[in-house]
Amino acid sequence: MFWPHVAKLLLKLGRWTAVGPLPSAKKAVVVGVPHTSYWDGYWLLVYKVAYGLDVKFYVKATLFWFPLSVLLNGLGGVPLNRGKANRVVKQAVEAFNSNESYLLGISPEGTRSKTKGWKTGFYRIAEGAGVPIVFGFFDYKNRRLGFGPVMTLTGDMQADLDIFRSFYASVEGRCPEKTSPIQVLRSNRRPIRSYVRRSGRLTPSQQRALDELWPDFGIDFGSNLLDFDSIFKRAAPRIFEIGFGNGESLVQLAIDNPATDFLGVEVHNPGIGHCLIKARDAGIRNLRLISHDAIDVLETQIPSASLSRINLYFPDPWPKTRHHKRRIVQPEFLKLCADRLKSNGSLRIATDWENYAEHIDEVLGDFSRFNCVERREHGGDNPLDRAATKFEKRGLRHGHKIWDWQFERIAL
């Protein structure tokens, strides 16, 4: 072939040495680091042609005009509409799922300018598609370019970033002053909460329960991972319930399943107090409660692959369109659940709002790490392995139907 010889000659004239074998994985996210210059894209294309590397890469959609679009498509360019960046991860995962072989090249910095850290899209795409990450690099100082290790993600992003930092520490871009640090920074924006904290009125008995029973059943929110075997003084399956309301259905589950340990999370003190009273009266020891936001608890206190099941029964439906962003069932929440569940662990969801049921079907249908095992639509007479809740009974009084799902975490 004529063009590969030309491309190899260009690499030689540029004094580049190709390092490492081409990616052997049929599917992978290929990162190109550091990205500090327009020249990175040029040398990537030359390398692709020289060695027949079939890797796709994102290009601004505005550049896809004829005849340039013909060249970009031929070289593996994929149009990127930055105005719809929130769709990029989903579209990339769909591309991986619909192709037998697919390599996608991404710059984690997202720009040639220096930033305060990496964007997480490359990581979320690899996680969502269940594919490894190949380390690609441009080392202008030593005139080396090519590929390094292949990483299978652990789900612990900070630990995985340590491996990136170690590998790229000796790699220097064309403009070193523009190299972004390998870190992911949390947004300073106020987080969107999926609930409204209502103080409610604590009865004297509920207040006494919070004061007297918390040492027996409560776990304070903190920054350390929980040791469940130590907390429950045994090894057993663990079920995590989000937003247990007044706790009656959760306590009943704990009564009916003495060989299983339960951890309930709620933000409303009256409900927590009521649950504590029910737990004491039932004489159970396989239940613990946390008074905090469930997302924070999952992120900070729950170890990876430690839960057998997560229950999300009748979460706030946020029925108004402008409030849909506050619904807890979102891709980031599902990712967190998948990370904390054991392989083949179960995610159970129930709602009495038809629009929320449609939302759940759509979001879970697009999420590749869960498989729908069972879906029930009923009139309150066919719940899926759970007791009736007060929110369910309220919905039935208003003439609502009930939807129940069981999703299974797919083993990677």
Protein backbone atom coordinates (compact mmCIF):
# COMPACT_ATOMS: atom_id res chain seq x y z
CA MET A 1 0.00 0.00 0.00
CA PHE A 2 1.24 3.46 -0.89
CA TRP A 3 -0.11 5.62 1.95
CA PRO A 4 1.22 3.54 4.88
CA HIS A 5 4.73 3.90 3.42
CA VAL A 6 4.25 7.66 3.14
CA ALA A 7 2.98 7.86 6.72
CA LYS A 8 5.94 5.86 8.06
CA LEU A 9 8.27 8.17 6.16
CA LEU A 10 6.59 11.19 7.81
CA LEU A 11 7.08 9.62 11.24
CA LYS A 12 10.74 9.04 10.42
CA LEU A 13 11.18 12.62 9.23
CA GLY A 14 9.56 13.77 12.45
CA ARG A 15 12.11 11.69 14.37
CA TRP A 16 9.35 9.63 16.02
CA THR A 17 9.83 6.11 17.37
CA ALA A 18 6.71 3.95 17.59
CA VAL A 19 6.56 2.18 20.97
CA GLY A 20 4.51 -0.79 22.08
CA PRO A 21 2.25 -3.17 20.14
CA LEU A 22 -1.07 -2.10 18.69
CA PRO A 23 -4.05 -2.69 21.02
CA SER A 24 -4.99 -6.38 20.93
CA ALA A 25 -8.40 -5.92 22.56
CA LYS A 26 -11.31 -5.94 20.13
CA LYS A 27 -13.03 -3.27 22.20
CA ALA A 28 -11.31 -0.61 24.30
CA VAL A 29 -11.17 3.06 25.17
CA VAL A 30 -7.81 4.39 24.01
CA VAL A 31 -6.66 7.50 25.85
CA GLY A 32 -4.21 9.93 24.25
CA VAL A 33 -2.17 11.81 26.88
CA PRO A 34 -0.99 14.51 27.20
CA HIS A 35 -3.00 16.55 24.72
CA THR A 36 -1.43 20.01 24.55
CA SER A 37 -1.25 20.88 20.84
CA TYR A 38 -3.00 20.63 17.47
CA TRP A 39 0.04 18.56 16.42
CA ASP A 40 -1.17 15.67 18.58
CA GLY A 41 -4.10 15.10 16.26
CA TYR A 42 -1.86 15.30 13.20
CA TRP A 43 0.60 12.71 14.50
CA LEU A 44 -2.25 10.47 15.61
CA LEU A 45 -3.62 10.41 12.07
CA VAL A 46 -0.17 9.75 10.62
CA TYR A 47 0.31 6.87 13.06
CA LYS A 48 -3.16 5.47 12.23
CA VAL A 49 -2.36 5.38 8.52
CA ALA A 50 1.16 4.04 9.02
CA TYR A 51 0.14 1.05 11.10
CA GLY A 52 -3.47 0.50 10.01
CA LEU A 53 -4.86 1.37 13.45
CA ASP A 54 -8.66 1.28 13.31
CA VAL A 55 -9.54 3.68 16.11
CA LYS A 56 -12.45 6.11 16.15
CA PHE A 57 -12.04 9.60 17.56
CA TYR A 58 -14.31 12.55 18.29
CA VAL A 59 -14.18 15.65 16.11
CA LYS A 60 -16.23 18.83 16.50
CA ALA A 61 -19.44 18.41 14.49
CA THR A 62 -18.88 21.84 12.88
CA LEU A 63 -15.91 20.41 10.94
CA PHE A 64 -18.04 17.86 9.12
CA TRP A 65 -18.62 19.91 5.98
CA PHE A 66 -18.05 18.64 2.45
CA PRO A 67 -15.45 17.71 1.30
CA LEU A 68 -13.66 17.67 4.70
CA SER A 69 -16.34 15.35 6.07
CA VAL A 70 -15.34 12.68 3.53
CA LEU A 71 -11.75 12.72 4.80
CA LEU A 72 -12.77 12.75 8.49
CA ASN A 73 -15.18 9.85 8.04
CA GLY A 74 -12.53 7.88 6.19
CA LEU A 75 -10.02 8.44 9.00
CA GLY A 76 -12.47 7.33 11.72
CA GLY A 77 -13.84 10.67 12.88
CA VAL A 78 -17.07 10.72 14.89
CA PRO A 79 -19.03 14.01 15.04
CA LEU A 80 -19.16 15.53 18.53
CA ASN A 81 -21.89 18.04 19.35
CA ARG A 82 -20.58 19.77 22.46
CA GLY A 83 -23.99 21.28 23.07
CA LYS A 84 -25.20 17.72 23.81
CA ALA A 85 -22.21 16.54 25.81
CA ASN A 86 -24.44 14.73 28.31
CA ARG A 87 -25.37 12.31 25.53
CA VAL A 88 -21.81 11.44 24.54
CA VAL A 89 -21.33 8.70 27.17
CA LYS A 90 -24.62 7.05 26.28
CA GLN A 91 -23.93 7.18 22.53
CA ALA A 92 -20.41 5.82 23.00
CA VAL A 93 -21.66 2.89 25.11
CA GLU A 94 -24.29 2.15 22.45
CA ALA A 95 -21.56 2.13 19.80
CA PHE A 96 -19.53 -0.38 21.81
CA ASN A 97 -22.58 -2.59 22.35
CA SER A 98 -23.58 -2.59 18.70
CA ASN A 99 -20.14 -3.44 17.25
CA GLU A 100 -18.12 -6.66 17.51
CA SER A 101 -14.90 -4.62 17.54
CA TYR A 102 -14.60 -0.97 18.43
CA LEU A 103 -11.67 1.19 19.59
CA LEU A 104 -12.49 4.73 20.68
CA GLY A 105 -9.74 7.30 21.16
CA ILE A 106 -10.36 9.99 23.78
CA SER A 107 -8.36 12.80 25.34
CA PRO A 108 -9.26 12.82 29.06
CA GLU A 109 -8.26 16.50 29.35
CA GLY A 110 -10.96 17.41 26.85
CA THR A 111 -8.98 20.42 25.61
CA ARG A 112 -5.47 21.50 24.65
CA SER A 113 -5.42 24.15 27.40
CA LYS A 114 -4.36 23.39 30.94
CA THR A 115 -7.26 22.54 33.24
CA LYS A 116 -7.54 21.64 36.91
CA GLY A 117 -8.11 17.97 36.14
CA TRP A 118 -9.40 15.32 33.79
CA LYS A 119 -12.99 14.91 32.67
CA THR A 120 -14.52 11.59 33.66
CA GLY A 121 -16.25 10.75 30.38
CA PHE A 122 -13.52 8.32 29.23
CA TYR A 123 -13.84 6.40 32.51
CA ARG A 124 -17.65 6.33 32.50
CA ILE A 125 -17.69 5.12 28.90
CA ALA A 126 -15.28 2.27 29.69
CA GLU A 127 -17.30 1.33 32.79
CA GLY A 128 -20.64 1.55 31.03
CA ALA A 129 -19.46 -0.56 28.11
CA GLY A 130 -17.43 -2.95 30.27
CA VAL A 131 -14.25 -2.47 28.23
CA PRO A 132 -10.60 -1.87 29.23
CA ILE A 133 -8.59 1.33 28.79
CA VAL A 134 -5.45 1.36 26.65
CA PHE A 135 -2.74 3.87 27.57
CA GLY A 136 -1.75 5.92 24.51
CA PHE A 137 0.85 8.66 24.68
CA PHE A 138 2.69 11.45 22.84
CA ASP A 139 6.16 11.93 24.37
CA TYR A 140 7.65 14.88 22.52
CA LYS A 141 10.71 15.09 24.75
CA ASN A 142 11.90 11.62 23.78
CA ARG A 143 10.10 11.58 20.40
CA ARG A 144 8.16 8.44 21.34
CA LEU A 145 4.51 7.69 20.64
CA GLY A 146 2.43 4.56 20.87
CA PHE A 147 0.82 2.43 23.52
CA GLY A 148 1.51 1.26 27.04
CA PRO A 149 -0.44 -0.91 29.48
CA VAL A 150 -4.05 -2.06 29.22
CA MET A 151 -6.12 -1.34 32.34
CA THR A 152 -9.20 -3.22 33.49
CA LEU A 153 -11.06 -0.78 35.70
CA THR A 154 -11.51 -1.62 39.36
CA GLY A 155 -14.42 0.77 39.96
CA ASP A 156 -12.24 2.75 42.39
CA MET A 157 -11.52 5.79 40.24
CA GLN A 158 -8.97 7.32 42.59
CA ALA A 159 -6.94 4.11 42.76
CA ASP A 160 -7.07 3.77 38.97
CA LEU A 161 -5.94 7.38 38.55
CA ASP A 162 -2.86 6.55 40.63
CA ILE A 163 -1.85 4.07 37.92
CA PHE A 164 -2.33 6.73 35.24
CA ARG A 165 -0.17 9.17 37.22
CA SER A 166 2.60 6.62 37.60
CA PHE A 167 2.71 5.77 33.89
CA TYR A 168 2.47 9.32 32.51
CA ALA A 169 4.89 10.88 35.02
CA SER A 170 7.77 10.58 32.51
CA VAL A 171 5.72 11.56 29.41
CA GLU A 172 6.04 15.15 28.20
CA GLY A 173 3.68 16.86 25.77
CA ARG A 174 4.60 19.36 23.07
CA CYS A 175 3.62 22.23 25.40
CA PRO A 176 4.45 20.98 28.91
CA GLU A 177 3.03 24.09 30.53
CA LYS A 178 -0.42 23.09 29.24
CA THR A 179 -0.38 19.61 30.73
CA SER A 180 -3.35 19.08 33.04
CA PRO A 181 -2.86 17.24 36.36
CA ILE A 182 -4.25 13.71 36.47
CA GLN A 183 -7.02 14.23 38.98
CA VAL A 184 -10.78 14.58 39.02
CA LEU A 185 -12.13 17.54 40.92
CA ARG A 186 -15.55 17.64 42.51
CA SER A 187 -17.86 20.32 41.29
CA ASN A 188 -18.31 23.34 43.52
CA ARG A 189 -21.92 23.55 42.50
CA ARG A 190 -24.55 22.67 45.06
CA PRO A 191 -25.50 19.01 44.51
CA ILE A 192 -28.98 18.24 43.22
CA ARG A 193 -30.83 16.40 45.97
CA SER A 194 -33.50 13.83 45.20
CA TYR A 195 -35.50 14.77 48.31
CA VAL A 196 -36.71 17.71 50.32
CA ARG A 197 -35.72 17.56 53.97
CA ARG A 198 -38.94 18.02 55.95
CA SER A 199 -38.45 18.44 59.67
CA GLY A 200 -41.92 17.15 60.63
CA ARG A 201 -43.06 16.92 64.22
CA LEU A 202 -41.25 14.51 66.48
CA THR A 203 -43.48 12.87 69.03
CA PRO A 204 -42.05 12.51 72.54
CA SER A 205 -41.69 8.75 72.01
CA GLN A 206 -39.84 9.25 68.71
CA GLN A 207 -37.45 11.72 70.34
CA ARG A 208 -36.79 9.27 73.18
CA ALA A 209 -36.11 6.55 70.63
CA LEU A 210 -33.57 8.75 68.85
CA ASP A 211 -31.88 9.54 72.16
CA GLU A 212 -31.97 6.09 73.73
CA LEU A 213 -32.03 3.55 70.87
CA TRP A 214 -29.59 5.14 68.45
CA PRO A 215 -26.54 3.60 70.18
CA ASP A 216 -28.08 0.14 69.57
CA PHE A 217 -29.36 0.57 66.01
CA GLY A 218 -27.75 3.72 64.62
CA ILE A 219 -24.59 4.25 62.60
CA ASP A 220 -23.24 7.79 62.38
CA PHE A 221 -22.32 9.12 58.96
CA GLY A 222 -18.55 9.39 58.50
CA SER A 223 -15.71 9.24 56.00
CA ASN A 224 -14.58 5.64 56.67
CA LEU A 225 -15.81 2.47 55.00
CA LEU A 226 -18.08 0.33 57.16
CA ASP A 227 -16.97 -3.11 58.35
CA PHE A 228 -20.26 -4.99 58.17
CA ASP A 229 -18.90 -8.19 59.72
CA SER A 230 -17.84 -6.19 62.75
CA ILE A 231 -21.06 -4.18 62.95
CA PHE A 232 -23.38 -7.17 62.74
CA LYS A 233 -20.91 -9.58 64.38
CA ARG A 234 -21.32 -12.15 61.61
CA ALA A 235 -20.93 -12.76 57.90
CA ALA A 236 -24.26 -12.61 56.07
CA PRO A 237 -25.96 -11.20 52.96
CA ARG A 238 -26.57 -7.42 53.28
CA ILE A 239 -29.55 -5.46 51.97
CA PHE A 240 -29.38 -1.67 51.70
CA GLU A 241 -32.71 0.20 51.70
CA ILE A 242 -32.92 3.81 50.56
CA GLY A 243 -35.59 6.07 52.05
CA PHE A 244 -37.42 3.63 54.34
CA GLY A 245 -40.08 6.17 55.41
CA ASN A 246 -41.51 5.15 58.77
CA GLY A 247 -39.59 1.86 58.61
CA GLU A 248 -42.50 -0.53 59.10
CA SER A 249 -41.89 -2.45 55.85
CA LEU A 250 -38.12 -2.49 56.49
CA VAL A 251 -38.58 -3.89 60.00
CA GLN A 252 -40.94 -6.53 58.62
CA LEU A 253 -38.30 -7.55 56.05
CA ALA A 254 -35.74 -7.89 58.85
CA ILE A 255 -38.18 -10.00 60.88
CA ASP A 256 -38.97 -12.26 57.93
CA ASN A 257 -35.29 -12.70 56.96
CA PRO A 258 -33.26 -13.26 60.16
CA ALA A 259 -30.29 -14.68 58.21
CA THR A 260 -29.88 -11.40 56.31
CA ASP A 261 -28.55 -8.07 57.60
CA PHE A 262 -30.33 -4.82 56.72
CA LEU A 263 -29.04 -1.26 56.53
CA GLY A 264 -31.65 1.48 56.11
CA VAL A 265 -30.97 5.11 55.19
CA GLU A 266 -33.44 7.95 55.76
CA VAL A 267 -33.24 11.72 56.19
CA HIS A 268 -36.50 12.40 58.10
CA ASN A 269 -36.18 12.11 61.87
CA PRO A 270 -39.82 11.24 62.66
CA GLY A 271 -39.60 8.21 60.37
CA ILE A 272 -36.26 7.19 61.87
CA GLY A 273 -37.70 7.47 65.39
CA HIS A 274 -40.72 5.38 64.42
CA CYS A 275 -38.47 2.73 62.86
CA LEU A 276 -36.31 2.56 65.97
CA ILE A 277 -39.40 1.89 68.12
CA LYS A 278 -40.59 -0.86 65.76
CA ALA A 279 -37.13 -2.47 65.72
CA ARG A 280 -36.92 -2.45 69.51
CA ASP A 281 -40.40 -3.90 69.91
CA ALA A 282 -39.62 -6.64 67.38
CA GLY A 283 -36.45 -7.60 69.26
CA ILE A 284 -34.40 -7.81 66.05
CA ARG A 285 -30.63 -7.42 65.84
CA ASN A 286 -30.13 -7.60 62.08
CA LEU A 287 -31.01 -3.97 61.35
CA ARG A 288 -28.96 -0.75 61.44
CA LEU A 289 -29.97 2.78 60.42
CA ILE A 290 -28.13 5.82 59.08
CA SER A 291 -29.56 9.33 59.12
CA HIS A 292 -28.07 10.93 56.02
CA ASP A 293 -28.32 11.30 52.24
CA ALA A 294 -28.17 7.82 50.68
CA ILE A 295 -25.92 8.95 47.81
CA ASP A 296 -23.30 10.24 50.25
CA VAL A 297 -23.53 7.00 52.24
CA LEU A 298 -23.08 4.86 49.13
CA GLU A 299 -20.14 6.95 47.94
CA THR A 300 -18.34 7.21 51.28
CA GLN A 301 -19.28 4.38 53.63
CA ILE A 302 -20.33 1.35 51.59
CA PRO A 303 -17.45 -0.85 50.36
CA SER A 304 -17.38 -2.00 46.74
CA ALA A 305 -19.14 -5.31 46.01
CA SER A 306 -20.41 -5.58 49.59
CA LEU A 307 -24.19 -5.58 49.11
CA SER A 308 -26.44 -8.41 47.98
CA ARG A 309 -29.38 -6.15 47.26
CA ILE A 310 -30.44 -2.51 47.15
CA ASN A 311 -34.08 -1.54 47.72
CA LEU A 312 -35.50 1.71 46.36
CA TYR A 313 -39.20 1.69 47.15
CA PHE A 314 -41.41 4.61 46.12
CA PRO A 315 -38.80 7.35 45.80
CA ASP A 316 -40.00 10.92 45.34
CA PRO A 317 -41.37 10.94 41.75
CA TRP A 318 -40.79 14.65 41.09
CA PRO A 319 -43.67 14.65 38.58
CA LYS A 320 -43.11 18.13 37.11
CA THR A 321 -40.89 18.12 34.03
CA ARG A 322 -38.60 20.83 35.37
CA HIS A 323 -37.92 18.66 38.42
CA HIS A 324 -37.07 15.41 36.58
CA LYS A 325 -33.37 16.11 37.11
CA ARG A 326 -33.99 15.56 40.83
CA ARG A 327 -35.15 11.99 40.39
CA ILE A 328 -32.71 9.63 42.07
CA VAL A 329 -32.81 7.07 39.25
CA GLN A 330 -30.13 8.53 36.99
CA PRO A 331 -27.08 6.95 35.30
CA GLU A 332 -24.68 8.15 37.99
CA PHE A 333 -26.84 6.62 40.72
CA LEU A 334 -27.04 3.33 38.82
CA LYS A 335 -23.27 3.27 38.39
CA LEU A 336 -22.88 3.73 42.15
CA CYS A 337 -25.34 0.91 42.84
CA ALA A 338 -23.57 -1.42 40.40
CA ASP A 339 -20.22 -0.70 42.07
CA ARG A 340 -21.55 -1.45 45.56
CA LEU A 341 -23.48 -4.60 44.64
CA LYS A 342 -21.88 -7.99 44.43
CA SER A 343 -21.79 -9.78 41.10
CA ASN A 344 -25.37 -10.84 40.31
CA GLY A 345 -26.61 -8.64 43.15
CA SER A 346 -30.15 -7.28 42.92
CA LEU A 347 -31.59 -3.78 42.57
CA ARG A 348 -35.30 -3.61 43.50
CA ILE A 349 -37.39 -0.57 42.58
CA ALA A 350 -41.07 0.25 43.04
CA THR A 351 -43.15 3.31 42.13
CA ASP A 352 -46.79 4.27 41.79
CA TRP A 353 -46.24 7.06 39.23
CA GLU A 354 -46.68 6.06 35.58
CA ASN A 355 -44.37 8.80 34.29
CA TYR A 356 -41.64 7.74 36.71
CA ALA A 357 -42.13 4.11 35.60
CA GLU A 358 -41.49 5.21 32.01
CA HIS A 359 -38.39 7.10 33.19
CA ILE A 360 -37.09 4.03 35.03
CA ASP A 361 -37.66 1.81 31.99
CA GLU A 362 -35.75 4.25 29.80
CA VAL A 363 -32.79 4.89 32.10
CA LEU A 364 -32.31 1.24 33.09
CA GLY A 365 -32.80 0.16 29.49
CA ASP A 366 -29.82 2.30 28.50
CA PHE A 367 -27.62 1.12 31.38
CA SER A 368 -25.56 -1.91 30.40
CA ARG A 369 -24.58 -3.11 33.89
CA PHE A 370 -28.08 -4.19 34.92
CA ASN A 371 -30.39 -6.77 33.39
CA CYS A 372 -34.14 -6.66 34.05
CA VAL A 373 -35.09 -10.01 35.59
CA GLU A 374 -38.72 -9.19 36.36
CA ARG A 375 -41.14 -6.31 35.87
CA ARG A 376 -44.61 -6.27 37.39
CA GLU A 377 -47.49 -3.87 36.86
CA HIS A 378 -50.31 -4.46 39.32
CA GLY A 379 -52.99 -2.93 41.51
CA GLY A 380 -51.24 -3.43 44.84
CA ASP A 381 -52.00 -7.16 44.95
CA ASN A 382 -48.74 -8.52 43.51
CA PRO A 383 -45.71 -6.86 45.13
CA LEU A 384 -42.27 -8.25 44.37
CA ASP A 385 -40.85 -9.79 47.57
CA ARG A 386 -41.66 -6.84 49.83
CA ALA A 387 -44.23 -5.61 52.33
CA ALA A 388 -46.65 -2.81 51.44
CA THR A 389 -45.47 0.70 52.35
CA LYS A 390 -47.44 3.74 53.45
CA PHE A 391 -46.47 5.53 50.21
CA GLU A 392 -47.82 2.58 48.21
CA LYS A 393 -51.09 2.61 50.15
CA ARG A 394 -51.40 6.36 49.61
CA GLY A 395 -50.90 5.89 45.86
CA LEU A 396 -53.51 3.15 45.72
CA ARG A 397 -56.02 5.41 47.48
CA HIS A 398 -55.44 7.93 44.68
CA GLY A 399 -56.12 5.27 42.05
CA HIS A 400 -52.50 4.73 41.01
CA LYS A 401 -51.09 1.49 39.65
CA ILE A 402 -47.93 -0.06 41.11
CA TRP A 403 -44.78 -0.97 39.18
CA ASP A 404 -42.14 -3.33 40.60
CA TRP A 405 -38.78 -4.23 39.07
CA GLN A 406 -35.98 -6.63 39.88
CA PHE A 407 -32.70 -5.83 38.14
CA GLU A 408 -29.62 -8.03 38.34
CA ARG A 409 -26.09 -6.63 38.28
CA ILE A 410 -24.29 -8.14 35.33
CA ALA A 411 -20.89 -9.64 36.14
CA LEU A 412 -18.12 -7.83 34.24
